[in-house]
């Protein structure tokens, strides 16, 4: 669901400031009375009537350790996720190989698949 426009928000606040009640304003602009109350509360507490920033998804677990992963890959460019997990384990960072795969992909690296080698290696291209 998208946030209401700033134009509508401003018209609702102006109507509330002119003396109309919450229910009247809600009916006039076809919004819920609860939303009008929350908008007034937001302006009272923060001074802003804009929508909150919507964040999608969770913060990646290894986002704090990206520099360490880069260093491991720079040291040995054909590292496997198992080898990276072992190196991170030495630093007391214990995560699954799948989490490492996601972090490596997010950093812009990709695994190079080779038929003659059992595990995939990281390709720096």
PDB file of N, CA and C in Angstrom:
ATOM      1  N   UNK A   1       0.846  -1.174   0.000  1.00  0.00           N
ATOM      2  CA  UNK A   1       0.000   0.000   0.000  1.00  0.00           C
ATOM      3  C   UNK A   1       0.890   1.235   0.000  1.00  0.00           C
ATOM      4  N   UNK A   2       0.581   2.168  -0.853  1.00  0.00           N
ATOM      5  CA  UNK A   2       1.374   3.375  -0.958  1.00  0.00           C
ATOM      6  C   UNK A   2       0.942   4.387   0.090  1.00  0.00           C
ATOM      7  N   UNK A   3       1.853   5.272   0.450  1.00  0.00           N
ATOM      8  CA  UNK A   3       1.565   6.319   1.417  1.00  0.00           C
ATOM      9  C   UNK A   3       0.685   7.388   0.766  1.00  0.00           C
ATOM     10  N   UNK A   4      -0.112   8.055   1.570  1.00  0.00           N
ATOM     11  CA  UNK A   4      -0.924   9.154   1.064  1.00  0.00           C
ATOM     12  C   UNK A   4      -0.018  10.294   0.618  1.00  0.00           C
ATOM     13  N   UNK A   5      -0.455  11.045  -0.374  1.00  0.00           N
ATOM     14  CA  UNK A   5       0.349  12.134  -0.930  1.00  0.00           C
ATOM     15  C   UNK A   5       0.507  13.270   0.086  1.00  0.00           C
ATOM     16  N   UNK A   6       1.548  14.066  -0.121  1.00  0.00           N
ATOM     17  CA  UNK A   6       1.786  15.216   0.762  1.00  0.00           C
ATOM     18  C   UNK A   6       0.664  16.239   0.612  1.00  0.00           C
ATOM     19  N   UNK A   7       0.087  16.341  -0.598  1.00  0.00           N
ATOM     20  CA  UNK A   7      -1.010  17.268  -0.826  1.00  0.00           C
ATOM     21  C   UNK A   7      -2.198  16.910   0.062  1.00  0.00           C
ATOM     22  N   UNK A   8      -2.570  15.642   0.081  1.00  0.00           N
ATOM     23  CA  UNK A   8      -3.685  15.196   0.912  1.00  0.00           C
ATOM     24  C   UNK A   8      -3.359  15.401   2.384  1.00  0.00           C
ATOM     25  N   UNK A   9      -2.152  15.056   2.774  1.00  0.00           N
ATOM     26  CA  UNK A   9      -1.753  15.232   4.171  1.00  0.00           C
ATOM     27  C   UNK A   9      -1.884  16.696   4.599  1.00  0.00           C
ATOM     28  N   UNK A  10      -1.439  17.601   3.735  1.00  0.00           N
ATOM     29  CA  UNK A  10      -1.493  19.022   4.065  1.00  0.00           C
ATOM     30  C   UNK A  10      -2.939  19.509   4.139  1.00  0.00           C
ATOM     31  N   UNK A  11      -3.799  19.055   3.213  1.00  0.00           N
ATOM     32  CA  UNK A  11      -5.208  19.447   3.255  1.00  0.00           C
ATOM     33  C   UNK A  11      -5.892  18.925   4.516  1.00  0.00           C
ATOM     34  N   UNK A  12      -5.545  17.701   4.942  1.00  0.00           N
ATOM     35  CA  UNK A  12      -6.126  17.135   6.168  1.00  0.00           C
ATOM     36  C   UNK A  12      -5.687  17.948   7.381  1.00  0.00           C
ATOM     37  N   UNK A  13      -4.421  18.284   7.457  1.00  0.00           N
ATOM     38  CA  UNK A  13      -3.925  19.073   8.593  1.00  0.00           C
ATOM     39  C   UNK A  13      -4.552  20.461   8.592  1.00  0.00           C
ATOM     40  N   UNK A  14      -4.668  21.078   7.410  1.00  0.00           N
ATOM     41  CA  UNK A  14      -5.297  22.405   7.324  1.00  0.00           C
ATOM     42  C   UNK A  14      -6.746  22.356   7.796  1.00  0.00           C
ATOM     43  N   UNK A  15      -7.464  21.291   7.426  1.00  0.00           N
ATOM     44  CA  UNK A  15      -8.850  21.144   7.856  1.00  0.00           C
ATOM     45  C   UNK A  15      -8.921  20.966   9.376  1.00  0.00           C
ATOM     46  N   UNK A  16      -7.993  20.198   9.932  1.00  0.00           N
ATOM     47  CA  UNK A  16      -7.970  20.013  11.396  1.00  0.00           C
ATOM     48  C   UNK A  16      -7.659  21.329  12.098  1.00  0.00           C
ATOM     49  N   UNK A  17      -6.734  22.101  11.524  1.00  0.00           N
ATOM     50  CA  UNK A  17      -6.359  23.385  12.117  1.00  0.00           C
ATOM     51  C   UNK A  17      -7.484  24.411  12.030  1.00  0.00           C
ATOM     52  N   UNK A  18      -8.364  24.248  11.050  1.00  0.00           N
ATOM     53  CA  UNK A  18      -9.474  25.200  10.895  1.00  0.00           C
ATOM     54  C   UNK A  18     -10.598  24.929  11.895  1.00  0.00           C
ATOM     55  N   UNK A  19     -10.497  23.847  12.646  1.00  0.00           N
ATOM     56  CA  UNK A  19     -11.470  23.599  13.706  1.00  0.00           C
ATOM     57  C   UNK A  19     -12.376  22.410  13.479  1.00  0.00           C
ATOM     58  N   UNK A  20     -12.254  21.741  12.361  1.00  0.00           N
ATOM     59  CA  UNK A  20     -13.078  20.553  12.135  1.00  0.00           C
ATOM     60  C   UNK A  20     -12.611  19.409  13.029  1.00  0.00           C
ATOM     61  N   UNK A  21     -13.516  18.546  13.411  1.00  0.00           N
ATOM     62  CA  UNK A  21     -13.178  17.391  14.235  1.00  0.00           C
ATOM     63  C   UNK A  21     -12.559  16.274  13.400  1.00  0.00           C
ATOM     64  N   UNK A  22     -11.956  15.350  14.087  1.00  0.00           N
ATOM     65  CA  UNK A  22     -11.275  14.241  13.420  1.00  0.00           C
ATOM     66  C   UNK A  22     -12.220  13.438  12.537  1.00  0.00           C
ATOM     67  N   UNK A  23     -13.393  13.134  13.023  1.00  0.00           N
ATOM     68  CA  UNK A  23     -14.358  12.344  12.247  1.00  0.00           C
ATOM     69  C   UNK A  23     -14.834  13.096  11.013  1.00  0.00           C
ATOM     70  N   UNK A  24     -15.075  14.403  11.176  1.00  0.00           N
ATOM     71  CA  UNK A  24     -15.519  15.211  10.031  1.00  0.00           C
ATOM     72  C   UNK A  24     -14.440  15.274   8.953  1.00  0.00           C
ATOM     73  N   UNK A  25     -13.203  15.472   9.370  1.00  0.00           N
ATOM     74  CA  UNK A  25     -12.088  15.538   8.425  1.00  0.00           C
ATOM     75  C   UNK A  25     -11.934  14.202   7.708  1.00  0.00           C
ATOM     76  N   UNK A  26     -12.020  13.119   8.460  1.00  0.00           N
ATOM     77  CA  UNK A  26     -11.874  11.788   7.881  1.00  0.00           C
ATOM     78  C   UNK A  26     -12.965  11.526   6.845  1.00  0.00           C
ATOM     79  N   UNK A  27     -14.179  11.913   7.151  1.00  0.00           N
ATOM     80  CA  UNK A  27     -15.285  11.711   6.220  1.00  0.00           C
ATOM     81  C   UNK A  27     -15.129  12.599   4.984  1.00  0.00           C
ATOM     82  N   UNK A  28     -14.693  13.824   5.173  1.00  0.00           N
ATOM     83  CA  UNK A  28     -14.523  14.761   4.062  1.00  0.00           C
ATOM     84  C   UNK A  28     -13.498  14.258   3.054  1.00  0.00           C
ATOM     85  N   UNK A  29     -12.395  13.711   3.547  1.00  0.00           N
ATOM     86  CA  UNK A  29     -11.291  13.301   2.668  1.00  0.00           C
ATOM     87  C   UNK A  29     -11.262  11.793   2.408  1.00  0.00           C
ATOM     88  N   UNK A  30     -12.271  11.077   2.864  1.00  0.00           N
ATOM     89  CA  UNK A  30     -12.390   9.619   2.652  1.00  0.00           C
ATOM     90  C   UNK A  30     -11.172   8.860   3.168  1.00  0.00           C
ATOM     91  N   UNK A  31     -10.765   9.191   4.376  1.00  0.00           N
ATOM     92  CA  UNK A  31      -9.688   8.472   5.061  1.00  0.00           C
ATOM     93  C   UNK A  31     -10.229   8.027   6.415  1.00  0.00           C
ATOM     94  N   UNK A  32      -9.485   7.192   7.105  1.00  0.00           N
ATOM     95  CA  UNK A  32      -9.974   6.710   8.398  1.00  0.00           C
ATOM     96  C   UNK A  32      -9.674   7.734   9.498  1.00  0.00           C
ATOM     97  N   UNK A  33     -10.553   7.785  10.494  1.00  0.00           N
ATOM     98  CA  UNK A  33     -10.302   8.678  11.622  1.00  0.00           C
ATOM     99  C   UNK A  33      -8.983   8.337  12.341  1.00  0.00           C
ATOM    100  N   UNK A  34      -8.640   7.049  12.372  1.00  0.00           N
ATOM    101  CA  UNK A  34      -7.387   6.646  13.024  1.00  0.00           C
ATOM    102  C   UNK A  34      -6.192   7.251  12.289  1.00  0.00           C
ATOM    103  N   UNK A  35      -6.243   7.278  10.947  1.00  0.00           N
ATOM    104  CA  UNK A  35      -5.137   7.861  10.182  1.00  0.00           C
ATOM    105  C   UNK A  35      -5.023   9.353  10.454  1.00  0.00           C
ATOM    106  N   UNK A  36      -6.151  10.049  10.571  1.00  0.00           N
ATOM    107  CA  UNK A  36      -6.127  11.488  10.873  1.00  0.00           C
ATOM    108  C   UNK A  36      -5.507  11.710  12.243  1.00  0.00           C
ATOM    109  N   UNK A  37      -5.892  10.888  13.227  1.00  0.00           N
ATOM    110  CA  UNK A  37      -5.314  11.017  14.575  1.00  0.00           C
ATOM    111  C   UNK A  37      -3.809  10.763  14.553  1.00  0.00           C
ATOM    112  N   UNK A  38      -3.384   9.717  13.814  1.00  0.00           N
ATOM    113  CA  UNK A  38      -1.948   9.414  13.735  1.00  0.00           C
ATOM    114  C   UNK A  38      -1.184  10.535  13.038  1.00  0.00           C
ATOM    115  N   UNK A  39      -1.796  11.143  12.013  1.00  0.00           N
ATOM    116  CA  UNK A  39      -1.143  12.251  11.310  1.00  0.00           C
ATOM    117  C   UNK A  39      -0.971  13.447  12.236  1.00  0.00           C
ATOM    118  N   UNK A  40      -2.007  13.742  13.015  1.00  0.00           N
ATOM    119  CA  UNK A  40      -1.904  14.856  13.967  1.00  0.00           C
ATOM    120  C   UNK A  40      -0.865  14.544  15.053  1.00  0.00           C
ATOM    121  N   UNK A  41      -0.860  13.302  15.499  1.00  0.00           N
ATOM    122  CA  UNK A  41       0.118  12.898  16.512  1.00  0.00           C
ATOM    123  C   UNK A  41       1.533  12.993  15.962  1.00  0.00           C
ATOM    124  N   UNK A  42       1.735  12.573  14.711  1.00  0.00           N
ATOM    125  CA  UNK A  42       3.064  12.642  14.090  1.00  0.00           C
ATOM    126  C   UNK A  42       3.539  14.086  13.998  1.00  0.00           C
ATOM    127  N   UNK A  43       2.644  14.990  13.607  1.00  0.00           N
ATOM    128  CA  UNK A  43       3.030  16.403  13.526  1.00  0.00           C
ATOM    129  C   UNK A  43       3.359  16.953  14.914  1.00  0.00           C
ATOM    130  N   UNK A  44       2.588  16.553  15.904  1.00  0.00           N
ATOM    131  CA  UNK A  44       2.815  17.019  17.265  1.00  0.00           C
ATOM    132  C   UNK A  44       4.155  16.516  17.814  1.00  0.00           C
ATOM    133  N   UNK A  45       4.496  15.257  17.535  1.00  0.00           N
ATOM    134  CA  UNK A  45       5.712  14.655  18.095  1.00  0.00           C
ATOM    135  C   UNK A  45       6.970  14.958  17.293  1.00  0.00           C
ATOM    136  N   UNK A  46       6.862  15.012  15.964  1.00  0.00           N
ATOM    137  CA  UNK A  46       8.069  15.183  15.148  1.00  0.00           C
ATOM    138  C   UNK A  46       8.106  16.495  14.379  1.00  0.00           C
ATOM    139  N   UNK A  47       6.955  17.150  14.247  1.00  0.00           N
ATOM    140  CA  UNK A  47       6.906  18.383  13.474  1.00  0.00           C
ATOM    141  C   UNK A  47       6.767  18.131  11.979  1.00  0.00           C
ATOM    142  N   UNK A  48       6.682  16.875  11.576  1.00  0.00           N
ATOM    143  CA  UNK A  48       6.587  16.508  10.171  1.00  0.00           C
ATOM    144  C   UNK A  48       5.283  15.782   9.912  1.00  0.00           C
ATOM    145  N   UNK A  49       4.735  15.993   8.706  1.00  0.00           N
ATOM    146  CA  UNK A  49       3.534  15.252   8.330  1.00  0.00           C
ATOM    147  C   UNK A  49       3.838  14.287   7.183  1.00  0.00           C
ATOM    148  N   UNK A  50       5.091  14.231   6.773  1.00  0.00           N
ATOM    149  CA  UNK A  50       5.493  13.348   5.684  1.00  0.00           C
ATOM    150  C   UNK A  50       5.428  11.890   6.091  1.00  0.00           C
ATOM    151  N   UNK A  51       5.358  11.003   5.115  1.00  0.00           N
ATOM    152  CA  UNK A  51       5.309   9.574   5.432  1.00  0.00           C
ATOM    153  C   UNK A  51       6.643   9.095   5.990  1.00  0.00           C
ATOM    154  N   UNK A  52       6.600   8.075   6.798  1.00  0.00           N
ATOM    155  CA  UNK A  52       7.820   7.473   7.320  1.00  0.00           C
ATOM    156  C   UNK A  52       8.561   6.784   6.180  1.00  0.00           C
ATOM    157  N   UNK A  53       9.869   6.708   6.302  1.00  0.00           N
ATOM    158  CA  UNK A  53      10.658   6.010   5.301  1.00  0.00           C
ATOM    159  C   UNK A  53      10.380   4.523   5.444  1.00  0.00           C
ATOM    160  N   UNK A  54       9.995   3.890   4.344  1.00  0.00           N
ATOM    161  CA  UNK A  54       9.677   2.474   4.389  1.00  0.00           C
ATOM    162  C   UNK A  54      10.897   1.681   3.970  1.00  0.00           C
ATOM    163  N   UNK A  55      11.339   0.815   4.832  1.00  0.00           N
ATOM    164  CA  UNK A  55      12.499  -0.021   4.554  1.00  0.00           C
ATOM    165  C   UNK A  55      12.006  -1.418   4.245  1.00  0.00           C
ATOM    166  N   UNK A  56      12.466  -1.945   3.161  1.00  0.00           N
ATOM    167  CA  UNK A  56      12.040  -3.284   2.748  1.00  0.00           C
ATOM    168  C   UNK A  56      13.149  -4.271   3.038  1.00  0.00           C
ATOM    169  N   UNK A  57      12.789  -5.392   3.574  1.00  0.00           N
ATOM    170  CA  UNK A  57      13.764  -6.444   3.830  1.00  0.00           C
ATOM    171  C   UNK A  57      14.544  -6.208   5.117  1.00  0.00           C
ATOM    172  N   UNK A  58      15.348  -7.167   5.436  1.00  0.00           N
ATOM    173  CA  UNK A  58      16.138  -7.083   6.659  1.00  0.00           C
ATOM    174  C   UNK A  58      17.557  -6.622   6.348  1.00  0.00           C
ATOM    175  N   UNK A  59      18.251  -6.165   7.354  1.00  0.00           N
ATOM    176  CA  UNK A  59      19.638  -5.755   7.201  1.00  0.00           C
ATOM    177  C   UNK A  59      20.485  -7.017   7.113  1.00  0.00           C
ATOM    178  N   UNK A  60      21.318  -7.130   6.083  1.00  0.00           N
ATOM    179  CA  UNK A  60      22.140  -8.334   5.941  1.00  0.00           C
ATOM    180  C   UNK A  60      23.034  -8.560   7.154  1.00  0.00           C
ATOM    181  N   UNK A  61      23.153  -9.809   7.570  1.00  0.00           N
ATOM    182  CA  UNK A  61      23.916 -10.168   8.762  1.00  0.00           C
ATOM    183  C   UNK A  61      25.386  -9.783   8.624  1.00  0.00           C
ATOM    184  N   UNK A  62      25.943 -10.002   7.443  1.00  0.00           N
ATOM    185  CA  UNK A  62      27.369  -9.760   7.247  1.00  0.00           C
ATOM    186  C   UNK A  62      27.683  -8.356   6.739  1.00  0.00           C
ATOM    187  N   UNK A  63      26.740  -7.424   6.796  1.00  0.00           N
ATOM    188  CA  UNK A  63      26.997  -6.084   6.277  1.00  0.00           C
ATOM    189  C   UNK A  63      28.113  -5.387   7.058  1.00  0.00           C
ATOM    190  N   UNK A  64      28.265  -5.707   8.336  1.00  0.00           N
ATOM    191  CA  UNK A  64      29.335  -5.113   9.152  1.00  0.00           C
ATOM    192  C   UNK A  64      30.707  -5.700   8.817  1.00  0.00           C
ATOM    193  N   UNK A  65      30.707  -6.863   8.192  1.00  0.00           N
ATOM    194  CA  UNK A  65      31.966  -7.586   7.960  1.00  0.00           C
ATOM    195  C   UNK A  65      32.347  -7.646   6.486  1.00  0.00           C
ATOM    196  N   UNK A  66      31.798  -6.747   5.676  1.00  0.00           N
ATOM    197  CA  UNK A  66      32.083  -6.780   4.245  1.00  0.00           C
ATOM    198  C   UNK A  66      33.566  -6.568   3.954  1.00  0.00           C
ATOM    199  N   UNK A  67      34.207  -5.692   4.727  1.00  0.00           N
ATOM    200  CA  UNK A  67      35.645  -5.443   4.497  1.00  0.00           C
ATOM    201  C   UNK A  67      36.473  -6.701   4.779  1.00  0.00           C
ATOM    202  N   UNK A  68      36.065  -7.482   5.760  1.00  0.00           N
ATOM    203  CA  UNK A  68      36.784  -8.724   6.077  1.00  0.00           C
ATOM    204  C   UNK A  68      36.618  -9.746   4.957  1.00  0.00           C
ATOM    205  N   UNK A  69      35.412  -9.815   4.403  1.00  0.00           N
ATOM    206  CA  UNK A  69      35.165 -10.749   3.301  1.00  0.00           C
ATOM    207  C   UNK A  69      35.973 -10.335   2.082  1.00  0.00           C
ATOM    208  N   UNK A  70      35.997  -9.033   1.806  1.00  0.00           N
ATOM    209  CA  UNK A  70      36.809  -8.541   0.681  1.00  0.00           C
ATOM    210  C   UNK A  70      38.281  -8.899   0.872  1.00  0.00           C
ATOM    211  N   UNK A  71      38.766  -8.745   2.099  1.00  0.00           N
ATOM    212  CA  UNK A  71      40.173  -9.053   2.384  1.00  0.00           C
ATOM    213  C   UNK A  71      40.448 -10.544   2.179  1.00  0.00           C
ATOM    214  N   UNK A  72      39.542 -11.389   2.598  1.00  0.00           N
ATOM    215  CA  UNK A  72      39.714 -12.835   2.425  1.00  0.00           C
ATOM    216  C   UNK A  72      39.760 -13.173   0.937  1.00  0.00           C
ATOM    217  N   UNK A  73      38.857 -12.576   0.167  1.00  0.00           N
ATOM    218  CA  UNK A  73      38.810 -12.842  -1.274  1.00  0.00           C
ATOM    219  C   UNK A  73      40.042 -12.261  -1.961  1.00  0.00           C
ATOM    220  N   UNK A  74      40.493 -11.088  -1.534  1.00  0.00           N
ATOM    221  CA  UNK A  74      41.686 -10.484  -2.136  1.00  0.00           C
ATOM    222  C   UNK A  74      42.920 -11.323  -1.862  1.00  0.00           C
ATOM    223  N   UNK A  75      42.972 -11.930  -0.679  1.00  0.00           N
ATOM    224  CA  UNK A  75      44.110 -12.763  -0.299  1.00  0.00           C
ATOM    225  C   UNK A  75      44.142 -14.051  -1.122  1.00  0.00           C
ATOM    226  N   UNK A  76      42.975 -14.637  -1.338  1.00  0.00           N
ATOM    227  CA  UNK A  76      42.880 -15.868  -2.125  1.00  0.00           C
ATOM    228  C   UNK A  76      41.635 -15.769  -2.992  1.00  0.00           C
ATOM    229  N   UNK A  77      41.830 -15.391  -4.251  1.00  0.00           N
ATOM    230  CA  UNK A  77      40.696 -15.073  -5.117  1.00  0.00           C
ATOM    231  C   UNK A  77      39.839 -16.279  -5.484  1.00  0.00           C
ATOM    232  N   UNK A  78      40.354 -17.486  -5.378  1.00  0.00           N
ATOM    233  CA  UNK A  78      39.542 -18.654  -5.719  1.00  0.00           C
ATOM    234  C   UNK A  78      39.011 -19.359  -4.475  1.00  0.00           C
ATOM    235  N   UNK A  79      38.690 -18.572  -3.443  1.00  0.00           N
ATOM    236  CA  UNK A  79      38.146 -19.134  -2.208  1.00  0.00           C
ATOM    237  C   UNK A  79      36.747 -19.674  -2.429  1.00  0.00           C
ATOM    238  N   UNK A  80      36.438 -20.743  -1.750  1.00  0.00           N
ATOM    239  CA  UNK A  80      35.086 -21.276  -1.763  1.00  0.00           C
ATOM    240  C   UNK A  80      34.336 -20.696  -0.576  1.00  0.00           C
ATOM    241  N   UNK A  81      33.025 -20.858  -0.579  1.00  0.00           N
ATOM    242  CA  UNK A  81      32.244 -20.352   0.556  1.00  0.00           C
ATOM    243  C   UNK A  81      32.624 -21.092   1.837  1.00  0.00           C
ATOM    244  N   UNK A  82      33.005 -22.339   1.714  1.00  0.00           N
ATOM    245  CA  UNK A  82      33.431 -23.119   2.888  1.00  0.00           C
ATOM    246  C   UNK A  82      34.723 -22.533   3.461  1.00  0.00           C
ATOM    247  N   UNK A  83      35.649 -22.147   2.584  1.00  0.00           N
ATOM    248  CA  UNK A  83      36.916 -21.553   3.039  1.00  0.00           C
ATOM    249  C   UNK A  83      36.681 -20.177   3.661  1.00  0.00           C
ATOM    250  N   UNK A  84      35.789 -19.408   3.066  1.00  0.00           N
ATOM    251  CA  UNK A  84      35.472 -18.097   3.636  1.00  0.00           C
ATOM    252  C   UNK A  84      34.815 -18.264   5.001  1.00  0.00           C
ATOM    253  N   UNK A  85      33.944 -19.250   5.131  1.00  0.00           N
ATOM    254  CA  UNK A  85      33.292 -19.530   6.424  1.00  0.00           C
ATOM    255  C   UNK A  85      34.327 -19.906   7.475  1.00  0.00           C
ATOM    256  N   UNK A  86      35.316 -20.694   7.075  1.00  0.00           N
ATOM    257  CA  UNK A  86      36.362 -21.092   8.017  1.00  0.00           C
ATOM    258  C   UNK A  86      37.175 -19.878   8.470  1.00  0.00           C
ATOM    259  N   UNK A  87      37.515 -18.993   7.526  1.00  0.00           N
ATOM    260  CA  UNK A  87      38.281 -17.785   7.880  1.00  0.00           C
ATOM    261  C   UNK A  87      37.475 -16.871   8.791  1.00  0.00           C
ATOM    262  N   UNK A  88      36.184 -16.730   8.490  1.00  0.00           N
ATOM    263  CA  UNK A  88      35.338 -15.902   9.353  1.00  0.00           C
ATOM    264  C   UNK A  88      35.158 -16.554  10.723  1.00  0.00           C
ATOM    265  N   UNK A  89      35.128 -17.894  10.751  1.00  0.00           N
ATOM    266  CA  UNK A  89      35.031 -18.613  12.016  1.00  0.00           C
ATOM    267  C   UNK A  89      36.228 -18.345  12.914  1.00  0.00           C
ATOM    268  N   UNK A  90      37.401 -18.182  12.287  1.00  0.00           N
ATOM    269  CA  UNK A  90      38.602 -17.831  13.062  1.00  0.00           C
ATOM    270  C   UNK A  90      38.463 -16.459  13.702  1.00  0.00           C
ATOM    271  N   UNK A  91      37.635 -15.602  13.108  1.00  0.00           N
ATOM    272  CA  UNK A  91      37.395 -14.257  13.642  1.00  0.00           C
ATOM    273  C   UNK A  91      36.153 -14.217  14.538  1.00  0.00           C
ATOM    274  N   UNK A  92      35.663 -15.380  14.941  1.00  0.00           N
ATOM    275  CA  UNK A  92      34.474 -15.542  15.786  1.00  0.00           C
ATOM    276  C   UNK A  92      33.206 -15.042  15.121  1.00  0.00           C
ATOM    277  N   UNK A  93      33.136 -15.157  13.794  1.00  0.00           N
ATOM    278  CA  UNK A  93      31.934 -14.813  13.050  1.00  0.00           C
ATOM    279  C   UNK A  93      31.416 -16.110  12.450  1.00  0.00           C
ATOM    280  N   UNK A  94      30.355 -16.645  13.022  1.00  0.00           N
ATOM    281  CA  UNK A  94      29.838 -17.930  12.579  1.00  0.00           C
ATOM    282  C   UNK A  94      28.534 -17.722  11.822  1.00  0.00           C
ATOM    283  N   UNK A  95      28.565 -18.017  10.527  1.00  0.00           N
ATOM    284  CA  UNK A  95      27.383 -17.927   9.674  1.00  0.00           C
ATOM    285  C   UNK A  95      27.373 -19.118   8.722  1.00  0.00           C
ATOM    286  N   UNK A  96      26.224 -19.331   8.114  1.00  0.00           N
ATOM    287  CA  UNK A  96      26.111 -20.456   7.184  1.00  0.00           C
ATOM    288  C   UNK A  96      26.770 -20.125   5.847  1.00  0.00           C
ATOM    289  N   UNK A  97      27.011 -21.162   5.072  1.00  0.00           N
ATOM    290  CA  UNK A  97      27.610 -20.963   3.742  1.00  0.00           C
ATOM    291  C   UNK A  97      26.649 -20.211   2.833  1.00  0.00           C
ATOM    292  N   UNK A  98      25.372 -20.422   3.004  1.00  0.00           N
ATOM    293  CA  UNK A  98      24.392 -19.710   2.185  1.00  0.00           C
ATOM    294  C   UNK A  98      24.449 -18.209   2.477  1.00  0.00           C
ATOM    295  N   UNK A  99      24.615 -17.824   3.746  1.00  0.00           N
ATOM    296  CA  UNK A  99      24.740 -16.418   4.103  1.00  0.00           C
ATOM    297  C   UNK A  99      25.980 -15.816   3.465  1.00  0.00           C
ATOM    298  N   UNK A 100      27.048 -16.575   3.431  1.00  0.00           N
ATOM    299  CA  UNK A 100      28.281 -16.110   2.789  1.00  0.00           C
ATOM    300  C   UNK A 100      28.062 -15.947   1.289  1.00  0.00           C
ATOM    301  N   UNK A 101      27.354 -16.882   0.673  1.00  0.00           N
ATOM    302  CA  UNK A 101      27.058 -16.778  -0.757  1.00  0.00           C
ATOM    303  C   UNK A 101      26.284 -15.502  -1.071  1.00  0.00           C
ATOM    304  N   UNK A 102      25.310 -15.165  -0.230  1.00  0.00           N
ATOM    305  CA  UNK A 102      24.522 -13.956  -0.424  1.00  0.00           C
ATOM    306  C   UNK A 102      25.410 -12.718  -0.274  1.00  0.00           C
ATOM    307  N   UNK A 103      26.292 -12.722   0.738  1.00  0.00           N
ATOM    308  CA  UNK A 103      27.182 -11.579   0.961  1.00  0.00           C
ATOM    309  C   UNK A 103      28.163 -11.416  -0.188  1.00  0.00           C
ATOM    310  N   UNK A 104      28.705 -12.506  -0.684  1.00  0.00           N
ATOM    311  CA  UNK A 104      29.655 -12.457  -1.799  1.00  0.00           C
ATOM    312  C   UNK A 104      28.966 -11.897  -3.039  1.00  0.00           C
ATOM    313  N   UNK A 105      27.750 -12.325  -3.282  1.00  0.00           N
ATOM    314  CA  UNK A 105      26.999 -11.826  -4.436  1.00  0.00           C
ATOM    315  C   UNK A 105      26.705 -10.337  -4.277  1.00  0.00           C
ATOM    316  N   UNK A 106      26.331  -9.904  -3.067  1.00  0.00           N
ATOM    317  CA  UNK A 106      26.041  -8.502  -2.804  1.00  0.00           C
ATOM    318  C   UNK A 106      27.277  -7.624  -3.000  1.00  0.00           C
ATOM    319  N   UNK A 107      28.459  -8.176  -2.740  1.00  0.00           N
ATOM    320  CA  UNK A 107      29.706  -7.434  -2.918  1.00  0.00           C
ATOM    321  C   UNK A 107      30.116  -7.342  -4.387  1.00  0.00           C
ATOM    322  N   UNK A 108      29.401  -8.035  -5.245  1.00  0.00           N
ATOM    323  CA  UNK A 108      29.677  -7.943  -6.672  1.00  0.00           C
ATOM    324  C   UNK A 108      30.557  -9.046  -7.219  1.00  0.00           C
ATOM    325  N   UNK A 109      30.902 -10.008  -6.396  1.00  0.00           N
ATOM    326  CA  UNK A 109      31.676 -11.150  -6.866  1.00  0.00           C
ATOM    327  C   UNK A 109      30.710 -12.225  -7.331  1.00  0.00           C
ATOM    328  N   UNK A 110      31.221 -13.160  -8.080  1.00  0.00           N
ATOM    329  CA  UNK A 110      30.402 -14.295  -8.474  1.00  0.00           C
ATOM    330  C   UNK A 110      31.266 -15.542  -8.481  1.00  0.00           C
ATOM    331  N   UNK A 111      30.628 -16.654  -8.315  1.00  0.00           N
ATOM    332  CA  UNK A 111      31.347 -17.921  -8.311  1.00  0.00           C
ATOM    333  C   UNK A 111      31.511 -18.415  -9.743  1.00  0.00           C
ATOM    334  N   UNK A 112      32.695 -18.838 -10.060  1.00  0.00           N
ATOM    335  CA  UNK A 112      32.954 -19.395 -11.377  1.00  0.00           C
ATOM    336  C   UNK A 112      32.791 -20.906 -11.264  1.00  0.00           C
ATOM    337  N   UNK A 113      31.949 -21.450 -12.082  1.00  0.00           N
ATOM    338  CA  UNK A 113      31.685 -22.878 -12.022  1.00  0.00           C
ATOM    339  C   UNK A 113      32.621 -23.609 -12.971  1.00  0.00           C
ATOM    340  N   UNK A 114      33.211 -24.654 -12.474  1.00  0.00           N
ATOM    341  CA  UNK A 114      34.107 -25.479 -13.283  1.00  0.00           C
ATOM    342  C   UNK A 114      33.676 -26.927 -13.133  1.00  0.00           C
ATOM    343  N   UNK A 115      33.625 -27.626 -14.227  1.00  0.00           N
ATOM    344  CA  UNK A 115      33.195 -29.019 -14.180  1.00  0.00           C
ATOM    345  C   UNK A 115      34.246 -29.920 -13.552  1.00  0.00           C
ATOM    346  N   UNK A 116      35.536 -29.554 -13.678  1.00  0.00           N
ATOM    347  CA  UNK A 116      36.592 -30.419 -13.178  1.00  0.00           C
ATOM    348  C   UNK A 116      36.839 -30.246 -11.680  1.00  0.00           C
ATOM    349  N   UNK A 117      36.282 -29.221 -11.091  1.00  0.00           N
ATOM    350  CA  UNK A 117      36.493 -28.941  -9.673  1.00  0.00           C
ATOM    351  C   UNK A 117      35.177 -29.167  -8.943  1.00  0.00           C
ATOM    352  N   UNK A 118      35.252 -29.784  -7.782  1.00  0.00           N
ATOM    353  CA  UNK A 118      34.052 -30.133  -7.039  1.00  0.00           C
ATOM    354  C   UNK A 118      33.295 -28.893  -6.560  1.00  0.00           C
ATOM    355  N   UNK A 119      33.993 -27.904  -5.949  1.00  0.00           N
ATOM    356  CA  UNK A 119      33.322 -26.725  -5.425  1.00  0.00           C
ATOM    357  C   UNK A 119      33.547 -25.542  -6.350  1.00  0.00           C
ATOM    358  N   UNK A 120      32.586 -24.612  -6.332  1.00  0.00           N
ATOM    359  CA  UNK A 120      32.707 -23.412  -7.147  1.00  0.00           C
ATOM    360  C   UNK A 120      33.691 -22.462  -6.498  1.00  0.00           C
ATOM    361  N   UNK A 121      34.401 -21.721  -7.321  1.00  0.00           N
ATOM    362  CA  UNK A 121      35.382 -20.744  -6.870  1.00  0.00           C
ATOM    363  C   UNK A 121      34.865 -19.352  -7.180  1.00  0.00           C
ATOM    364  N   UNK A 122      35.407 -18.345  -6.515  1.00  0.00           N
ATOM    365  CA  UNK A 122      34.994 -16.966  -6.746  1.00  0.00           C
ATOM    366  C   UNK A 122      35.724 -16.423  -7.966  1.00  0.00           C
ATOM    367  N   UNK A 123      34.974 -15.775  -8.843  1.00  0.00           N
ATOM    368  CA  UNK A 123      35.526 -15.170 -10.052  1.00  0.00           C
ATOM    369  C   UNK A 123      35.553 -13.657  -9.843  1.00  0.00           C
ATOM    370  N   UNK A 124      36.690 -13.049  -9.975  1.00  0.00           N
ATOM    371  CA  UNK A 124      36.824 -11.630  -9.718  1.00  0.00           C
ATOM    372  C   UNK A 124      36.444 -10.757 -10.916  1.00  0.00           C
ATOM    373  N   UNK A 125      35.956 -11.345 -11.971  1.00  0.00           N
ATOM    374  CA  UNK A 125      35.586 -10.544 -13.140  1.00  0.00           C
ATOM    375  C   UNK A 125      34.203  -9.994 -13.035  1.00  0.00           C
TER     376      UNK A 125
END
